[in-house]
All heavy atoms as atom14 arrays in JSON, in Angstrom:
{
  "sequence": "LLVSREIHADGKGSARLMGRPVTVSILRELGAMLINIHGQHDNQ",
  "atom14_mask": [
    [1, 1, 1, 1, 1, 1, 1, 1, 0, 0, 0, 0, 0, 0],
    [1, 1, 1, 1, 1, 1, 1, 1, 0, 0, 0, 0, 0, 0],
    [1, 1, 1, 1, 1, 1, 1, 0, 0, 0, 0, 0, 0, 0],
    [1, 1, 1, 1, 1, 1, 0, 0, 0, 0, 0, 0, 0, 0],
    [1, 1, 1, 1, 1, 1, 1, 1, 1, 1, 1, 0, 0, 0],
    [1, 1, 1, 1, 1, 1, 1, 1, 1, 0, 0, 0, 0, 0],
    [1, 1, 1, 1, 1, 1, 1, 1, 0, 0, 0, 0, 0, 0],
    [1, 1, 1, 1, 1, 1, 1, 1, 1, 1, 0, 0, 0, 0],
    [1, 1, 1, 1, 1, 0, 0, 0, 0, 0, 0, 0, 0, 0],
    [1, 1, 1, 1, 1, 1, 1, 1, 0, 0, 0, 0, 0, 0],
    [1, 1, 1, 1, 0, 0, 0, 0, 0, 0, 0, 0, 0, 0],
    [1, 1, 1, 1, 1, 1, 1, 1, 1, 0, 0, 0, 0, 0],
    [1, 1, 1, 1, 0, 0, 0, 0, 0, 0, 0, 0, 0, 0],
    [1, 1, 1, 1, 1, 1, 0, 0, 0, 0, 0, 0, 0, 0],
    [1, 1, 1, 1, 1, 0, 0, 0, 0, 0, 0, 0, 0, 0],
    [1, 1, 1, 1, 1, 1, 1, 1, 1, 1, 1, 0, 0, 0],
    [1, 1, 1, 1, 1, 1, 1, 1, 0, 0, 0, 0, 0, 0],
    [1, 1, 1, 1, 1, 1, 1, 1, 0, 0, 0, 0, 0, 0],
    [1, 1, 1, 1, 0, 0, 0, 0, 0, 0, 0, 0, 0, 0],
    [1, 1, 1, 1, 1, 1, 1, 1, 1, 1, 1, 0, 0, 0],
    [1, 1, 1, 1, 1, 1, 1, 0, 0, 0, 0, 0, 0, 0],
    [1, 1, 1, 1, 1, 1, 1, 0, 0, 0, 0, 0, 0, 0],
    [1, 1, 1, 1, 1, 1, 1, 0, 0, 0, 0, 0, 0, 0],
    [1, 1, 1, 1, 1, 1, 1, 0, 0, 0, 0, 0, 0, 0],
    [1, 1, 1, 1, 1, 1, 0, 0, 0, 0, 0, 0, 0, 0],
    [1, 1, 1, 1, 1, 1, 1, 1, 0, 0, 0, 0, 0, 0],
    [1, 1, 1, 1, 1, 1, 1, 1, 0, 0, 0, 0, 0, 0],
    [1, 1, 1, 1, 1, 1, 1, 1, 1, 1, 1, 0, 0, 0],
    [1, 1, 1, 1, 1, 1, 1, 1, 1, 0, 0, 0, 0, 0],
    [1, 1, 1, 1, 1, 1, 1, 1, 0, 0, 0, 0, 0, 0],
    [1, 1, 1, 1, 0, 0, 0, 0, 0, 0, 0, 0, 0, 0],
    [1, 1, 1, 1, 1, 0, 0, 0, 0, 0, 0, 0, 0, 0],
    [1, 1, 1, 1, 1, 1, 1, 1, 0, 0, 0, 0, 0, 0],
    [1, 1, 1, 1, 1, 1, 1, 1, 0, 0, 0, 0, 0, 0],
    [1, 1, 1, 1, 1, 1, 1, 1, 0, 0, 0, 0, 0, 0],
    [1, 1, 1, 1, 1, 1, 1, 1, 0, 0, 0, 0, 0, 0],
    [1, 1, 1, 1, 1, 1, 1, 1, 0, 0, 0, 0, 0, 0],
    [1, 1, 1, 1, 1, 1, 1, 1, 1, 1, 0, 0, 0, 0],
    [1, 1, 1, 1, 0, 0, 0, 0, 0, 0, 0, 0, 0, 0],
    [1, 1, 1, 1, 1, 1, 1, 1, 1, 0, 0, 0, 0, 0],
    [1, 1, 1, 1, 1, 1, 1, 1, 1, 1, 0, 0, 0, 0],
    [1, 1, 1, 1, 1, 1, 1, 1, 0, 0, 0, 0, 0, 0],
    [1, 1, 1, 1, 1, 1, 1, 1, 0, 0, 0, 0, 0, 0],
    [1, 1, 1, 1, 1, 1, 1, 1, 1, 0, 0, 0, 0, 0]
  ],
  "atom14_positions": [
    [[-3.16, 12.57, 4.14], [-2.05, 11.62, 4.2], [-1.31, 11.6, 2.87], [-1.93, 11.65, 1.81], [-2.55, 10.21, 4.49], [-3.0, 9.86, 5.9], [-3.48, 8.42, 5.94], [-1.89, 10.08, 6.9], [0.0, 0.0, 0.0], [0.0, 0.0, 0.0], [0.0, 0.0, 0.0], [0.0, 0.0, 0.0], [0.0, 0.0, 0.0], [0.0, 0.0, 0.0]],
    [[0.02, 11.51, 2.94], [0.86, 11.33, 1.76], [1.44, 9.93, 1.82], [2.17, 9.59, 2.75], [1.97, 12.37, 1.72], [2.97, 12.26, 0.54], [2.24, 12.55, -0.78], [4.14, 13.22, 0.72], [0.0, 0.0, 0.0], [0.0, 0.0, 0.0], [0.0, 0.0, 0.0], [0.0, 0.0, 0.0], [0.0, 0.0, 0.0], [0.0, 0.0, 0.0]],
    [[1.09, 9.09, 0.84], [1.54, 7.69, 0.82], [2.32, 7.46, -0.46], [1.92, 7.91, -1.54], [0.34, 6.73, 0.88], [0.84, 5.29, 1.02], [-0.59, 7.08, 2.01], [0.0, 0.0, 0.0], [0.0, 0.0, 0.0], [0.0, 0.0, 0.0], [0.0, 0.0, 0.0], [0.0, 0.0, 0.0], [0.0, 0.0, 0.0], [0.0, 0.0, 0.0]],
    [[3.45, 6.74, -0.36], [4.28, 6.5, -1.53], [4.84, 5.09, -1.51], [5.21, 4.57, -0.46], [5.43, 7.52, -1.58], [6.23, 7.32, -2.74], [0.0, 0.0, 0.0], [0.0, 0.0, 0.0], [0.0, 0.0, 0.0], [0.0, 0.0, 0.0], [0.0, 0.0, 0.0], [0.0, 0.0, 0.0], [0.0, 0.0, 0.0], [0.0, 0.0, 0.0]],
    [[4.87, 4.45, -2.7], [5.52, 3.14, -2.87], [6.51, 3.22, -4.01], [6.25, 3.86, -5.04], [4.48, 2.06, -3.21], [3.57, 1.62, -2.11], [4.21, 0.67, -1.12], [4.7, -0.56, -1.67], [3.95, -1.64, -1.87], [2.65, -1.61, -1.63], [4.5, -2.76, -2.32], [0.0, 0.0, 0.0], [0.0, 0.0, 0.0], [0.0, 0.0, 0.0]],
    [[7.64, 2.56, -3.84], [8.63, 2.41, -4.91], [8.9, 0.93, -5.12], [9.13, 0.2, -4.16], [9.94, 3.13, -4.55], [9.85, 4.65, -4.57], [11.22, 5.31, -4.38], [12.22, 4.57, -4.24], [11.28, 6.54, -4.38], [0.0, 0.0, 0.0], [0.0, 0.0, 0.0], [0.0, 0.0, 0.0], [0.0, 0.0, 0.0], [0.0, 0.0, 0.0]],
    [[8.88, 0.5, -6.37], [9.2, -0.88, -6.72], [10.37, -0.83, -7.69], [10.27, -0.24, -8.77], [8.02, -1.59, -7.38], [6.74, -1.4, -6.56], [8.33, -3.06, -7.59], [6.81, -1.94, -5.16], [0.0, 0.0, 0.0], [0.0, 0.0, 0.0], [0.0, 0.0, 0.0], [0.0, 0.0, 0.0], [0.0, 0.0, 0.0], [0.0, 0.0, 0.0]],
    [[11.51, -1.42, -7.33], [12.71, -1.38, -8.16], [12.75, -2.56, -9.13], [12.13, -3.61, -8.89], [13.96, -1.38, -7.27], [14.09, -0.13, -6.44], [14.92, 0.91, -6.77], [13.46, 0.25, -5.29], [14.81, 1.87, -5.86], [13.93, 1.48, -4.95], [0.0, 0.0, 0.0], [0.0, 0.0, 0.0], [0.0, 0.0, 0.0], [0.0, 0.0, 0.0]],
    [[13.47, -2.37, -10.19], [13.55, -3.39, -11.23], [14.18, -4.69, -10.73], [13.97, -5.75, -11.31], [14.33, -2.85, -12.43], [0.0, 0.0, 0.0], [0.0, 0.0, 0.0], [0.0, 0.0, 0.0], [0.0, 0.0, 0.0], [0.0, 0.0, 0.0], [0.0, 0.0, 0.0], [0.0, 0.0, 0.0], [0.0, 0.0, 0.0], [0.0, 0.0, 0.0]],
    [[14.97, -4.61, -9.65], [15.58, -5.82, -9.09], [14.67, -6.52, -8.09], [15.07, -7.51, -7.47], [16.93, -5.49, -8.44], [16.81, -4.5, -7.28], [15.67, -4.11, -6.94], [17.85, -4.11, -6.72], [0.0, 0.0, 0.0], [0.0, 0.0, 0.0], [0.0, 0.0, 0.0], [0.0, 0.0, 0.0], [0.0, 0.0, 0.0], [0.0, 0.0, 0.0]],
    [[13.46, -6.01, -7.94], [12.49, -6.65, -7.04], [12.41, -6.03, -5.66], [11.47, -6.3, -4.91], [0.0, 0.0, 0.0], [0.0, 0.0, 0.0], [0.0, 0.0, 0.0], [0.0, 0.0, 0.0], [0.0, 0.0, 0.0], [0.0, 0.0, 0.0], [0.0, 0.0, 0.0], [0.0, 0.0, 0.0], [0.0, 0.0, 0.0], [0.0, 0.0, 0.0]],
    [[13.36, -5.17, -5.3], [13.32, -4.52, -4.0], [12.3, -3.39, -4.03], [11.93, -2.89, -5.09], [14.7, -3.99, -3.62], [15.76, -5.08, -3.46], [17.11, -4.49, -3.11], [18.16, -5.58, -2.96], [19.51, -5.02, -2.67], [0.0, 0.0, 0.0], [0.0, 0.0, 0.0], [0.0, 0.0, 0.0], [0.0, 0.0, 0.0], [0.0, 0.0, 0.0]],
    [[11.87, -2.97, -2.86], [10.89, -1.9, -2.8], [10.92, -1.19, -1.47], [11.59, -1.61, -0.52], [0.0, 0.0, 0.0], [0.0, 0.0, 0.0], [0.0, 0.0, 0.0], [0.0, 0.0, 0.0], [0.0, 0.0, 0.0], [0.0, 0.0, 0.0], [0.0, 0.0, 0.0], [0.0, 0.0, 0.0], [0.0, 0.0, 0.0], [0.0, 0.0, 0.0]],
    [[10.19, -0.08, -1.4], [10.11, 0.68, -0.16], [8.76, 1.39, -0.11], [8.1, 1.57, -1.14], [11.25, 1.71, -0.07], [11.16, 2.65, -1.13], [0.0, 0.0, 0.0], [0.0, 0.0, 0.0], [0.0, 0.0, 0.0], [0.0, 0.0, 0.0], [0.0, 0.0, 0.0], [0.0, 0.0, 0.0], [0.0, 0.0, 0.0], [0.0, 0.0, 0.0]],
    [[8.35, 1.77, 1.08], [7.09, 2.48, 1.27], [7.31, 3.61, 2.26], [8.12, 3.49, 3.18], [6.02, 1.53, 1.79], [0.0, 0.0, 0.0], [0.0, 0.0, 0.0], [0.0, 0.0, 0.0], [0.0, 0.0, 0.0], [0.0, 0.0, 0.0], [0.0, 0.0, 0.0], [0.0, 0.0, 0.0], [0.0, 0.0, 0.0], [0.0, 0.0, 0.0]],
    [[6.58, 4.71, 2.04], [6.68, 5.87, 2.93], [5.29, 6.39, 3.24], [4.4, 6.4, 2.39], [7.54, 6.97, 2.31], [9.02, 6.62, 2.26], [9.89, 7.77, 1.77], [11.29, 7.45, 1.93], [12.0, 7.67, 3.03], [11.41, 8.23, 4.07], [13.26, 7.34, 3.12], [0.0, 0.0, 0.0], [0.0, 0.0, 0.0], [0.0, 0.0, 0.0]],
    [[5.15, 6.84, 4.48], [3.91, 7.45, 4.94], [4.26, 8.77, 5.59], [5.04, 8.81, 6.54], [3.21, 6.51, 5.94], [1.91, 7.0, 6.56], [0.85, 7.22, 5.49], [1.4, 5.99, 7.59], [0.0, 0.0, 0.0], [0.0, 0.0, 0.0], [0.0, 0.0, 0.0], [0.0, 0.0, 0.0], [0.0, 0.0, 0.0], [0.0, 0.0, 0.0]],
    [[3.74, 9.85, 5.04], [4.06, 11.21, 5.5], [5.57, 11.45, 5.46], [6.15, 12.07, 6.35], [3.51, 11.44, 6.91], [2.0, 11.29, 7.02], [1.09, 12.37, 5.89], [1.38, 13.99, 6.62], [0.0, 0.0, 0.0], [0.0, 0.0, 0.0], [0.0, 0.0, 0.0], [0.0, 0.0, 0.0], [0.0, 0.0, 0.0], [0.0, 0.0, 0.0]],
    [[6.22, 10.89, 4.43], [7.65, 11.09, 4.23], [8.54, 10.2, 5.06], [9.76, 10.23, 4.93], [0.0, 0.0, 0.0], [0.0, 0.0, 0.0], [0.0, 0.0, 0.0], [0.0, 0.0, 0.0], [0.0, 0.0, 0.0], [0.0, 0.0, 0.0], [0.0, 0.0, 0.0], [0.0, 0.0, 0.0], [0.0, 0.0, 0.0], [0.0, 0.0, 0.0]],
    [[7.93, 9.37, 5.93], [8.72, 8.48, 6.8], [8.55, 7.03, 6.35], [7.48, 6.66, 5.85], [8.27, 8.62, 8.25], [8.56, 9.98, 8.86], [7.81, 10.15, 10.17], [7.98, 8.98, 11.03], [7.15, 8.68, 12.04], [6.11, 9.45, 12.28], [7.36, 7.61, 12.78], [0.0, 0.0, 0.0], [0.0, 0.0, 0.0], [0.0, 0.0, 0.0]],
    [[9.59, 6.21, 6.52], [9.47, 4.8, 6.14], [8.32, 4.12, 6.89], [8.05, 4.43, 8.05], [10.83, 4.2, 6.56], [11.76, 5.37, 6.57], [10.95, 6.54, 7.03], [0.0, 0.0, 0.0], [0.0, 0.0, 0.0], [0.0, 0.0, 0.0], [0.0, 0.0, 0.0], [0.0, 0.0, 0.0], [0.0, 0.0, 0.0], [0.0, 0.0, 0.0]],
    [[7.64, 3.21, 6.21], [6.54, 2.48, 6.81], [6.52, 1.07, 6.24], [6.96, 0.85, 5.1], [5.19, 3.19, 6.53], [4.86, 3.18, 5.04], [4.06, 2.59, 7.35], [0.0, 0.0, 0.0], [0.0, 0.0, 0.0], [0.0, 0.0, 0.0], [0.0, 0.0, 0.0], [0.0, 0.0, 0.0], [0.0, 0.0, 0.0], [0.0, 0.0, 0.0]],
    [[6.07, 0.11, 7.02], [5.99, -1.26, 6.52], [4.74, -1.42, 5.65], [3.75, -0.72, 5.83], [5.93, -2.27, 7.67], [4.71, -2.07, 8.41], [7.12, -2.11, 8.6], [0.0, 0.0, 0.0], [0.0, 0.0, 0.0], [0.0, 0.0, 0.0], [0.0, 0.0, 0.0], [0.0, 0.0, 0.0], [0.0, 0.0, 0.0], [0.0, 0.0, 0.0]],
    [[4.82, -2.36, 4.73], [3.69, -2.62, 3.84], [2.5, -3.15, 4.65], [1.34, -2.87, 4.33], [4.09, -3.61, 2.74], [2.89, -4.03, 1.92], [5.15, -2.99, 1.83], [0.0, 0.0, 0.0], [0.0, 0.0, 0.0], [0.0, 0.0, 0.0], [0.0, 0.0, 0.0], [0.0, 0.0, 0.0], [0.0, 0.0, 0.0], [0.0, 0.0, 0.0]],
    [[2.77, -3.89, 5.71], [1.67, -4.43, 6.53], [0.88, -3.32, 7.2], [-0.35, -3.41, 7.32], [2.22, -5.41, 7.58], [3.12, -4.76, 8.44], [0.0, 0.0, 0.0], [0.0, 0.0, 0.0], [0.0, 0.0, 0.0], [0.0, 0.0, 0.0], [0.0, 0.0, 0.0], [0.0, 0.0, 0.0], [0.0, 0.0, 0.0], [0.0, 0.0, 0.0]],
    [[1.57, -2.25, 7.64], [0.86, -1.12, 8.24], [0.03, -0.42, 7.17], [-1.12, -0.04, 7.42], [1.86, -0.13, 8.89], [2.52, -0.77, 10.12], [1.16, 1.17, 9.28], [3.56, 0.11, 10.78], [0.0, 0.0, 0.0], [0.0, 0.0, 0.0], [0.0, 0.0, 0.0], [0.0, 0.0, 0.0], [0.0, 0.0, 0.0], [0.0, 0.0, 0.0]],
    [[0.6, -0.24, 5.97], [-0.15, 0.36, 4.88], [-1.41, -0.45, 4.58], [-2.49, 0.12, 4.34], [0.71, 0.44, 3.62], [1.65, 1.63, 3.44], [2.23, 1.61, 2.04], [0.95, 2.95, 3.71], [0.0, 0.0, 0.0], [0.0, 0.0, 0.0], [0.0, 0.0, 0.0], [0.0, 0.0, 0.0], [0.0, 0.0, 0.0], [0.0, 0.0, 0.0]],
    [[-1.27, -1.77, 4.58], [-2.41, -2.63, 4.27], [-3.5, -2.48, 5.34], [-4.69, -2.43, 5.02], [-1.93, -4.08, 4.18], [-2.96, -5.04, 3.64], [-2.33, -6.29, 3.08], [-1.36, -6.89, 3.97], [-0.05, -6.97, 3.7], [0.43, -6.5, 2.58], [0.78, -7.55, 4.56], [0.0, 0.0, 0.0], [0.0, 0.0, 0.0], [0.0, 0.0, 0.0]],
    [[-3.08, -2.39, 6.59], [-4.04, -2.23, 7.68], [-4.76, -0.89, 7.59], [-5.98, -0.8, 7.76], [-3.31, -2.35, 9.02], [-4.21, -2.5, 10.22], [-3.45, -2.79, 11.5], [-2.21, -2.98, 11.43], [-4.08, -2.81, 12.55], [0.0, 0.0, 0.0], [0.0, 0.0, 0.0], [0.0, 0.0, 0.0], [0.0, 0.0, 0.0], [0.0, 0.0, 0.0]],
    [[-4.0, 0.17, 7.3], [-4.6, 1.5, 7.15], [-5.46, 1.58, 5.89], [-6.53, 2.19, 5.89], [-3.49, 2.56, 7.09], [-2.83, 2.94, 8.4], [-1.59, 3.78, 8.14], [-3.8, 3.7, 9.3], [0.0, 0.0, 0.0], [0.0, 0.0, 0.0], [0.0, 0.0, 0.0], [0.0, 0.0, 0.0], [0.0, 0.0, 0.0], [0.0, 0.0, 0.0]],
    [[-4.97, 0.98, 4.81], [-5.68, 1.05, 3.53], [-7.09, 0.51, 3.63], [-8.02, 1.04, 2.98], [0.0, 0.0, 0.0], [0.0, 0.0, 0.0], [0.0, 0.0, 0.0], [0.0, 0.0, 0.0], [0.0, 0.0, 0.0], [0.0, 0.0, 0.0], [0.0, 0.0, 0.0], [0.0, 0.0, 0.0], [0.0, 0.0, 0.0], [0.0, 0.0, 0.0]],
    [[-7.29, -0.52, 4.47], [-8.63, -1.1, 4.62], [-9.59, -0.12, 5.27], [-10.82, -0.3, 5.18], [-8.53, -2.38, 5.46], [0.0, 0.0, 0.0], [0.0, 0.0, 0.0], [0.0, 0.0, 0.0], [0.0, 0.0, 0.0], [0.0, 0.0, 0.0], [0.0, 0.0, 0.0], [0.0, 0.0, 0.0], [0.0, 0.0, 0.0], [0.0, 0.0, 0.0]],
    [[-9.06, 0.92, 5.92], [-9.9, 1.92, 6.57], [-10.11, 3.15, 5.69], [-10.9, 4.03, 6.03], [-9.26, 2.37, 7.89], [-8.99, 1.27, 8.86], [-8.11, 1.87, 10.32], [-7.77, 0.35, 11.18], [0.0, 0.0, 0.0], [0.0, 0.0, 0.0], [0.0, 0.0, 0.0], [0.0, 0.0, 0.0], [0.0, 0.0, 0.0], [0.0, 0.0, 0.0]],
    [[-9.39, 3.23, 4.57], [-9.41, 4.44, 3.75], [-10.12, 4.25, 2.42], [-10.88, 5.11, 1.98], [-7.97, 4.9, 3.48], [-7.12, 5.24, 4.71], [-5.68, 5.47, 4.3], [-7.67, 6.47, 5.42], [0.0, 0.0, 0.0], [0.0, 0.0, 0.0], [0.0, 0.0, 0.0], [0.0, 0.0, 0.0], [0.0, 0.0, 0.0], [0.0, 0.0, 0.0]],
    [[-9.88, 3.13, 1.75], [-10.41, 2.91, 0.41], [-10.87, 1.46, 0.3], [-10.17, 0.54, 0.72], [-9.34, 3.2, -0.68], [-8.93, 4.68, -0.65], [-9.85, 2.82, -2.06], [-7.8, 5.02, -1.61], [0.0, 0.0, 0.0], [0.0, 0.0, 0.0], [0.0, 0.0, 0.0], [0.0, 0.0, 0.0], [0.0, 0.0, 0.0], [0.0, 0.0, 0.0]],
    [[-12.04, 1.26, -0.3], [-12.56, -0.07, -0.51], [-12.63, -0.32, -2.02], [-13.3, 0.41, -2.74], [-13.97, -0.19, 0.1], [-14.51, -1.6, 0.02], [-14.46, -2.24, -1.02], [-15.03, -2.09, 1.14], [0.0, 0.0, 0.0], [0.0, 0.0, 0.0], [0.0, 0.0, 0.0], [0.0, 0.0, 0.0], [0.0, 0.0, 0.0], [0.0, 0.0, 0.0]],
    [[-11.9, -1.33, -2.48], [-11.88, -1.65, -3.91], [-12.67, -2.93, -4.15], [-12.39, -3.97, -3.56], [-10.44, -1.82, -4.43], [-9.66, -0.5, -4.3], [-10.45, -2.28, -5.88], [-8.25, -0.57, -4.83], [0.0, 0.0, 0.0], [0.0, 0.0, 0.0], [0.0, 0.0, 0.0], [0.0, 0.0, 0.0], [0.0, 0.0, 0.0], [0.0, 0.0, 0.0]],
    [[-13.66, -2.84, -5.03], [-14.42, -4.02, -5.44], [-13.97, -4.42, -6.83], [-14.19, -3.71, -7.81], [-15.92, -3.73, -5.46], [-16.7, -4.83, -6.12], [-16.97, -6.03, -5.48], [-17.23, -4.94, -7.36], [-17.65, -6.81, -6.31], [-17.82, -6.18, -7.45], [0.0, 0.0, 0.0], [0.0, 0.0, 0.0], [0.0, 0.0, 0.0], [0.0, 0.0, 0.0]],
    [[-13.28, -5.57, -6.9], [-12.84, -6.09, -8.18], [-13.73, -7.24, -8.61], [-14.59, -7.72, -7.86], [0.0, 0.0, 0.0], [0.0, 0.0, 0.0], [0.0, 0.0, 0.0], [0.0, 0.0, 0.0], [0.0, 0.0, 0.0], [0.0, 0.0, 0.0], [0.0, 0.0, 0.0], [0.0, 0.0, 0.0], [0.0, 0.0, 0.0], [0.0, 0.0, 0.0]],
    [[-13.49, -7.71, -9.83], [-14.33, -8.8, -10.34], [-14.17, -10.08, -9.52], [-15.1, -10.88, -9.42], [-13.97, -9.07, -11.81], [-14.3, -7.88, -12.72], [-13.97, -8.18, -14.17], [-14.35, -9.2, -14.71], [-13.26, -7.28, -14.81], [0.0, 0.0, 0.0], [0.0, 0.0, 0.0], [0.0, 0.0, 0.0], [0.0, 0.0, 0.0], [0.0, 0.0, 0.0]],
    [[-13.0, -10.25, -8.89], [-12.79, -11.46, -8.09], [-13.63, -11.46, -6.83], [-13.86, -12.5, -6.21], [-11.31, -11.58, -7.71], [-10.88, -10.61, -6.67], [-10.57, -9.3, -6.97], [-10.71, -10.74, -5.32], [-10.24, -8.67, -5.86], [-10.31, -9.52, -4.86], [0.0, 0.0, 0.0], [0.0, 0.0, 0.0], [0.0, 0.0, 0.0], [0.0, 0.0, 0.0]],
    [[-14.15, -10.27, -6.41], [-14.97, -10.22, -5.22], [-16.26, -11.01, -5.39], [-16.83, -11.51, -4.41], [-15.32, -8.76, -4.88], [-14.14, -8.01, -4.27], [-13.09, -8.64, -4.12], [-14.28, -6.83, -3.95], [0.0, 0.0, 0.0], [0.0, 0.0, 0.0], [0.0, 0.0, 0.0], [0.0, 0.0, 0.0], [0.0, 0.0, 0.0], [0.0, 0.0, 0.0]],
    [[-16.74, -11.13, -6.61], [-17.91, -11.96, -6.85], [-17.64, -13.41, -6.48], [-18.52, -14.12, -5.98], [-18.33, -11.88, -8.32], [-18.86, -10.49, -8.68], [-19.19, -9.7, -7.8], [-18.94, -10.21, -9.97], [0.0, 0.0, 0.0], [0.0, 0.0, 0.0], [0.0, 0.0, 0.0], [0.0, 0.0, 0.0], [0.0, 0.0, 0.0], [0.0, 0.0, 0.0]],
    [[-16.41, -13.86, -6.72], [-16.04, -15.22, -6.34], [-15.99, -15.37, -4.82], [-16.3, -16.44, -4.29], [-14.67, -15.58, -6.95], [-14.63, -15.46, -8.47], [-15.7, -16.27, -9.15], [-15.9, -17.44, -8.82], [-16.42, -15.65, -10.09], [0.0, 0.0, 0.0], [0.0, 0.0, 0.0], [0.0, 0.0, 0.0], [0.0, 0.0, 0.0], [0.0, 0.0, 0.0]]
  ]
}
């Protein structure tokens, strides 16, 4: 998979999946199946 995010200085942003536009909510749903990040807040 090729995943890309752009965040502009004016606060706008965009996301692409396999070169096509994708919503951040879809990325978030897929991301939970691909990578698991354990941060210090997880202890809380």
